[in-house]
Amino acid sequence: MGLPPHMSDTTKIKEPTASTFVFRQMEGGWRLGLIWHPRLECWMLPGGHVENFENAAEAAVREIEEETGWKARLVTGPASELPAGAPHPLVPAPWWVQELDVHPDNHTRQPHVHIDHLFLAVAEGEGPAGEPVHEVRWFTAADVAEHADIAEDLRIQAKDLFGRVAEAAAR
C-alpha cells in the first residue's frame, strides 16, 4: 500500500502548525470565531507555526490569544487515554491533523507543507482579554455555510464541530 499522492513528495519542507476552531456560547447558540486574514483575504481559523519552544497545543492557545485577543480552553480531541502508570505527561490531542500545501510565507520563502494540528476550544470570559492582531467575527453555523469568503474545507470541518461542540465543551 503506497502513500497518497500528496504525501509522496519528500522534497518539500514540512512545518508544524496549529489552528483552532474557537467556539463561544452566545444568545441564540454556539458561534465560531474566525479572523480576517489580510494577505489571504478570507475568514479563517486563528493559528500559525509551532515555535521551537512549544508543542502544538501550546501554539494553539498562544495563537488564539495573539490573533483574537480571547483566552480559550482547549477541548481535547478524540484520543485514547494513556495506560495507567505511563510516566510522561499527555499533551492535549488535536481533533485532526492534516497536510496542506502552502505558498511561501513569512517563515519559509518557498512552497512548503503545513502539518496542521486542528484543535477545538471554547472562548472564556465575556470579552477579549487583550487587543487582537486581526479582525474577529463570530459566525453561526448558517453564516459559515453561506459566507463567500470562507474556504470549503473549513466549512466541512466546522459543520461537523457545530454538531458536537455542546457535548465536547461540557467535558
C-alpha atoms as a PDB file:
ATOM      1  CA  MET A   1       0.000   0.000   0.000  1.00  0.00           C
ATOM      2  CA  GLY A   2       1.583   3.288  -1.122  1.00  0.00           C
ATOM      3  CA  LEU A   3       1.285   6.784   0.230  1.00  0.00           C
ATOM      4  CA  PRO A   4      -1.424   9.102  -1.112  1.00  0.00           C
ATOM      5  CA  PRO A   5      -0.133  11.320  -3.957  1.00  0.00           C
ATOM      6  CA  HIS A   6       0.052  14.467  -1.781  1.00  0.00           C
ATOM      7  CA  MET A   7       2.391  12.612   0.598  1.00  0.00           C
ATOM      8  CA  SER A   8       4.822  11.243  -1.965  1.00  0.00           C
ATOM      9  CA  ASP A   9       6.905  14.413  -2.392  1.00  0.00           C
ATOM     10  CA  THR A  10       9.561  14.209   0.313  1.00  0.00           C
ATOM     11  CA  THR A  11      11.487  17.157  -1.134  1.00  0.00           C
ATOM     12  CA  LYS A  12       9.127  19.775   0.324  1.00  0.00           C
ATOM     13  CA  ILE A  13       9.828  21.340   3.688  1.00  0.00           C
ATOM     14  CA  LYS A  14       7.232  20.301   6.277  1.00  0.00           C
ATOM     15  CA  GLU A  15       6.447  22.588   9.195  1.00  0.00           C
ATOM     16  CA  PRO A  16       4.179  22.003  12.218  1.00  0.00           C
ATOM     17  CA  THR A  17       1.307  24.459  12.593  1.00  0.00           C
ATOM     18  CA  ALA A  18      -1.693  24.702  14.910  1.00  0.00           C
ATOM     19  CA  SER A  19      -5.133  26.095  14.107  1.00  0.00           C
ATOM     20  CA  THR A  20      -8.178  26.218  16.352  1.00  0.00           C
ATOM     21  CA  PHE A  21     -11.945  26.159  15.963  1.00  0.00           C
ATOM     22  CA  VAL A  22     -12.791  28.611  18.785  1.00  0.00           C
ATOM     23  CA  PHE A  23     -16.432  28.426  19.820  1.00  0.00           C
ATOM     24  CA  ARG A  24     -18.407  30.711  22.116  1.00  0.00           C
ATOM     25  CA  GLN A  25     -21.876  30.254  23.591  1.00  0.00           C
ATOM     26  CA  MET A  26     -23.881  33.366  22.725  1.00  0.00           C
ATOM     27  CA  GLU A  27     -27.525  34.337  22.563  1.00  0.00           C
ATOM     28  CA  GLY A  28     -29.071  32.011  20.015  1.00  0.00           C
ATOM     29  CA  GLY A  29     -26.461  29.256  20.354  1.00  0.00           C
ATOM     30  CA  TRP A  30     -22.876  28.443  19.565  1.00  0.00           C
ATOM     31  CA  ARG A  31     -20.771  30.685  17.326  1.00  0.00           C
ATOM     32  CA  LEU A  32     -17.399  30.092  15.707  1.00  0.00           C
ATOM     33  CA  GLY A  33     -14.753  32.820  15.963  1.00  0.00           C
ATOM     34  CA  LEU A  34     -12.853  33.456  12.745  1.00  0.00           C
ATOM     35  CA  ILE A  35     -10.193  36.008  11.899  1.00  0.00           C
ATOM     36  CA  TRP A  36      -9.885  38.074   8.743  1.00  0.00           C
ATOM     37  CA  HIS A  37      -6.539  37.277   7.143  1.00  0.00           C
ATOM     38  CA  PRO A  38      -5.479  40.433   5.259  1.00  0.00           C
ATOM     39  CA  ARG A  39      -2.885  38.764   2.991  1.00  0.00           C
ATOM     40  CA  LEU A  40      -5.108  35.817   2.025  1.00  0.00           C
ATOM     41  CA  GLU A  41      -8.285  37.966   2.068  1.00  0.00           C
ATOM     42  CA  CYS A  42     -10.564  35.431   3.696  1.00  0.00           C
ATOM     43  CA  TRP A  43     -12.041  34.382   7.038  1.00  0.00           C
ATOM     44  CA  MET A  44     -10.029  31.639   8.657  1.00  0.00           C
ATOM     45  CA  LEU A  45      -9.147  29.943  11.923  1.00  0.00           C
ATOM     46  CA  PRO A  46      -6.698  31.572  14.293  1.00  0.00           C
ATOM     47  CA  GLY A  47      -3.432  29.693  14.032  1.00  0.00           C
ATOM     48  CA  GLY A  48       0.163  29.658  12.984  1.00  0.00           C
ATOM     49  CA  HIS A  49       3.514  27.950  13.218  1.00  0.00           C
ATOM     50  CA  VAL A  50       4.546  25.873  16.213  1.00  0.00           C
ATOM     51  CA  GLU A  51       7.656  27.505  17.652  1.00  0.00           C
ATOM     52  CA  ASN A  52      10.688  25.518  18.823  1.00  0.00           C
ATOM     53  CA  PHE A  53       9.848  26.116  22.499  1.00  0.00           C
ATOM     54  CA  GLU A  54       6.258  24.772  22.388  1.00  0.00           C
ATOM     55  CA  ASN A  55       4.105  21.824  21.405  1.00  0.00           C
ATOM     56  CA  ALA A  56       1.115  22.148  19.050  1.00  0.00           C
ATOM     57  CA  ALA A  57      -1.409  22.600  21.884  1.00  0.00           C
ATOM     58  CA  GLU A  58       0.637  25.423  23.409  1.00  0.00           C
ATOM     59  CA  ALA A  59       0.923  27.057  19.978  1.00  0.00           C
ATOM     60  CA  ALA A  60      -2.849  26.825  19.516  1.00  0.00           C
ATOM     61  CA  VAL A  61      -3.528  28.647  22.800  1.00  0.00           C
ATOM     62  CA  ARG A  62      -0.867  31.291  22.051  1.00  0.00           C
ATOM     63  CA  GLU A  63      -2.189  31.929  18.527  1.00  0.00           C
ATOM     64  CA  ILE A  64      -5.782  32.272  19.774  1.00  0.00           C
ATOM     65  CA  GLU A  65      -4.778  34.931  22.270  1.00  0.00           C
ATOM     66  CA  GLU A  66      -2.469  36.789  19.856  1.00  0.00           C
ATOM     67  CA  GLU A  67      -4.824  36.799  16.888  1.00  0.00           C
ATOM     68  CA  THR A  68      -8.226  37.177  18.584  1.00  0.00           C
ATOM     69  CA  GLY A  69      -7.421  38.717  21.972  1.00  0.00           C
ATOM     70  CA  TRP A  70      -9.513  35.971  23.632  1.00  0.00           C
ATOM     71  CA  LYS A  71      -8.404  33.426  26.192  1.00  0.00           C
ATOM     72  CA  ALA A  72      -9.706  29.952  25.435  1.00  0.00           C
ATOM     73  CA  ARG A  73      -9.776  26.453  26.890  1.00  0.00           C
ATOM     74  CA  LEU A  74      -8.757  23.614  24.591  1.00  0.00           C
ATOM     75  CA  VAL A  75     -11.189  20.710  24.413  1.00  0.00           C
ATOM     76  CA  THR A  76      -9.191  17.528  23.939  1.00  0.00           C
ATOM     77  CA  GLY A  77      -9.851  15.716  20.709  1.00  0.00           C
ATOM     78  CA  PRO A  78     -10.934  12.113  20.411  1.00  0.00           C
ATOM     79  CA  ALA A  79      -7.919  10.102  21.542  1.00  0.00           C
ATOM     80  CA  SER A  80      -7.061   7.150  23.719  1.00  0.00           C
ATOM     81  CA  GLU A  81      -6.072   7.733  27.314  1.00  0.00           C
ATOM     82  CA  LEU A  82      -2.576   6.816  28.418  1.00  0.00           C
ATOM     83  CA  PRO A  83      -2.305   3.437  30.144  1.00  0.00           C
ATOM     84  CA  ALA A  84      -2.147   3.546  33.938  1.00  0.00           C
ATOM     85  CA  GLY A  85       1.400   4.141  35.114  1.00  0.00           C
ATOM     86  CA  ALA A  86       2.627   5.795  31.900  1.00  0.00           C
ATOM     87  CA  PRO A  87       5.392   8.123  33.121  1.00  0.00           C
ATOM     88  CA  HIS A  88       5.138  11.033  30.688  1.00  0.00           C
ATOM     89  CA  PRO A  89       2.544  13.839  30.586  1.00  0.00           C
ATOM     90  CA  LEU A  90      -0.170  13.714  27.975  1.00  0.00           C
ATOM     91  CA  VAL A  91      -0.335  16.658  25.548  1.00  0.00           C
ATOM     92  CA  PRO A  92      -3.883  17.729  24.579  1.00  0.00           C
ATOM     93  CA  ALA A  93      -4.812  15.920  21.384  1.00  0.00           C
ATOM     94  CA  PRO A  94      -5.973  17.808  18.307  1.00  0.00           C
ATOM     95  CA  TRP A  95      -9.231  16.814  16.663  1.00  0.00           C
ATOM     96  CA  TRP A  96      -7.487  16.339  13.338  1.00  0.00           C
ATOM     97  CA  VAL A  97      -4.021  16.574  11.807  1.00  0.00           C
ATOM     98  CA  GLN A  98      -3.777  17.323   8.094  1.00  0.00           C
ATOM     99  CA  GLU A  99      -1.182  18.286   5.496  1.00  0.00           C
ATOM    100  CA  LEU A 100      -1.687  21.443   3.450  1.00  0.00           C
ATOM    101  CA  ASP A 101       0.428  22.548   0.519  1.00  0.00           C
ATOM    102  CA  VAL A 102       1.039  26.272   1.039  1.00  0.00           C
ATOM    103  CA  HIS A 103       2.643  29.192  -0.727  1.00  0.00           C
ATOM    104  CA  PRO A 104       5.708  30.999   0.623  1.00  0.00           C
ATOM    105  CA  ASP A 105       5.053  32.827   3.888  1.00  0.00           C
ATOM    106  CA  ASN A 106       6.975  34.791   6.497  1.00  0.00           C
ATOM    107  CA  HIS A 107       8.505  31.566   7.883  1.00  0.00           C
ATOM    108  CA  THR A 108       9.551  29.846   4.649  1.00  0.00           C
ATOM    109  CA  ARG A 109      10.243  31.654   1.395  1.00  0.00           C
ATOM    110  CA  GLN A 110       9.344  28.730  -0.875  1.00  0.00           C
ATOM    111  CA  PRO A 111       6.296  26.499  -1.333  1.00  0.00           C
ATOM    112  CA  HIS A 112       6.092  24.064   1.578  1.00  0.00           C
ATOM    113  CA  VAL A 113       3.718  21.883   3.593  1.00  0.00           C
ATOM    114  CA  HIS A 114       1.988  22.734   6.855  1.00  0.00           C
ATOM    115  CA  ILE A 115       1.330  19.784   9.155  1.00  0.00           C
ATOM    116  CA  ASP A 116      -1.698  21.455  10.728  1.00  0.00           C
ATOM    117  CA  HIS A 117      -2.903  20.295  14.140  1.00  0.00           C
ATOM    118  CA  LEU A 118      -6.572  21.300  14.312  1.00  0.00           C
ATOM    119  CA  PHE A 119      -7.907  21.932  17.806  1.00  0.00           C
ATOM    120  CA  LEU A 120     -11.292  22.741  19.316  1.00  0.00           C
ATOM    121  CA  ALA A 121     -11.515  25.410  22.035  1.00  0.00           C
ATOM    122  CA  VAL A 122     -14.122  27.316  23.990  1.00  0.00           C
ATOM    123  CA  ALA A 123     -13.634  31.060  24.489  1.00  0.00           C
ATOM    124  CA  GLU A 124     -13.503  32.141  28.120  1.00  0.00           C
ATOM    125  CA  GLY A 125     -14.886  35.331  29.629  1.00  0.00           C
ATOM    126  CA  GLU A 126     -17.348  37.903  28.389  1.00  0.00           C
ATOM    127  CA  GLY A 127     -14.926  39.605  26.051  1.00  0.00           C
ATOM    128  CA  PRO A 128     -11.367  39.642  24.783  1.00  0.00           C
ATOM    129  CA  ALA A 129      -8.602  39.817  27.383  1.00  0.00           C
ATOM    130  CA  GLY A 130      -6.296  41.747  25.053  1.00  0.00           C
ATOM    131  CA  GLU A 131      -6.013  43.506  21.716  1.00  0.00           C
ATOM    132  CA  PRO A 132      -6.438  41.201  18.730  1.00  0.00           C
ATOM    133  CA  VAL A 133      -3.958  41.275  15.845  1.00  0.00           C
ATOM    134  CA  HIS A 134      -6.770  40.581  13.356  1.00  0.00           C
ATOM    135  CA  GLU A 135     -10.420  41.456  12.954  1.00  0.00           C
ATOM    136  CA  VAL A 136     -12.536  38.796  14.701  1.00  0.00           C
ATOM    137  CA  ARG A 137     -16.114  37.863  13.853  1.00  0.00           C
ATOM    138  CA  TRP A 138     -18.389  35.272  15.496  1.00  0.00           C
ATOM    139  CA  PHE A 139     -20.262  33.156  12.923  1.00  0.00           C
ATOM    140  CA  THR A 140     -23.343  30.962  13.325  1.00  0.00           C
ATOM    141  CA  ALA A 141     -23.432  27.567  11.602  1.00  0.00           C
ATOM    142  CA  ALA A 142     -25.640  29.114   8.896  1.00  0.00           C
ATOM    143  CA  ASP A 143     -23.181  32.003   8.421  1.00  0.00           C
ATOM    144  CA  VAL A 144     -20.274  29.579   7.943  1.00  0.00           C
ATOM    145  CA  ALA A 145     -22.287  27.523   5.445  1.00  0.00           C
ATOM    146  CA  GLU A 146     -23.194  30.559   3.326  1.00  0.00           C
ATOM    147  CA  HIS A 147     -20.371  33.103   3.576  1.00  0.00           C
ATOM    148  CA  ALA A 148     -18.431  33.548   0.322  1.00  0.00           C
ATOM    149  CA  ASP A 149     -15.074  34.290   1.996  1.00  0.00           C
ATOM    150  CA  ILE A 150     -14.767  31.003   3.930  1.00  0.00           C
ATOM    151  CA  ALA A 151     -12.895  28.053   2.396  1.00  0.00           C
ATOM    152  CA  GLU A 152     -14.794  24.845   1.691  1.00  0.00           C
ATOM    153  CA  ASP A 153     -12.549  22.667   3.867  1.00  0.00           C
ATOM    154  CA  LEU A 154     -13.223  24.949   6.860  1.00  0.00           C
ATOM    155  CA  ARG A 155     -16.984  24.741   6.151  1.00  0.00           C
ATOM    156  CA  ILE A 156     -16.944  20.937   6.182  1.00  0.00           C
ATOM    157  CA  GLN A 157     -15.000  20.687   9.429  1.00  0.00           C
ATOM    158  CA  ALA A 158     -16.966  23.479  11.139  1.00  0.00           C
ATOM    159  CA  LYS A 159     -20.270  21.790  10.225  1.00  0.00           C
ATOM    160  CA  ASP A 160     -19.067  18.631  11.962  1.00  0.00           C
ATOM    161  CA  LEU A 161     -17.923  20.502  15.070  1.00  0.00           C
ATOM    162  CA  PHE A 162     -21.074  22.641  15.357  1.00  0.00           C
ATOM    163  CA  GLY A 163     -22.882  19.307  15.805  1.00  0.00           C
ATOM    164  CA  ARG A 164     -20.517  18.223  18.609  1.00  0.00           C
ATOM    165  CA  VAL A 165     -19.370  21.388  20.388  1.00  0.00           C
ATOM    166  CA  ALA A 166     -22.008  21.429  23.148  1.00  0.00           C
ATOM    167  CA  GLU A 167     -21.209  17.875  24.253  1.00  0.00           C
ATOM    168  CA  ALA A 168     -17.453  18.345  23.854  1.00  0.00           C
ATOM    169  CA  ALA A 169     -17.424  21.648  25.784  1.00  0.00           C
ATOM    170  CA  ALA A 170     -19.207  20.005  28.723  1.00  0.00           C
ATOM    171  CA  ARG A 171     -16.202  17.698  29.274  1.00  0.00           C
END
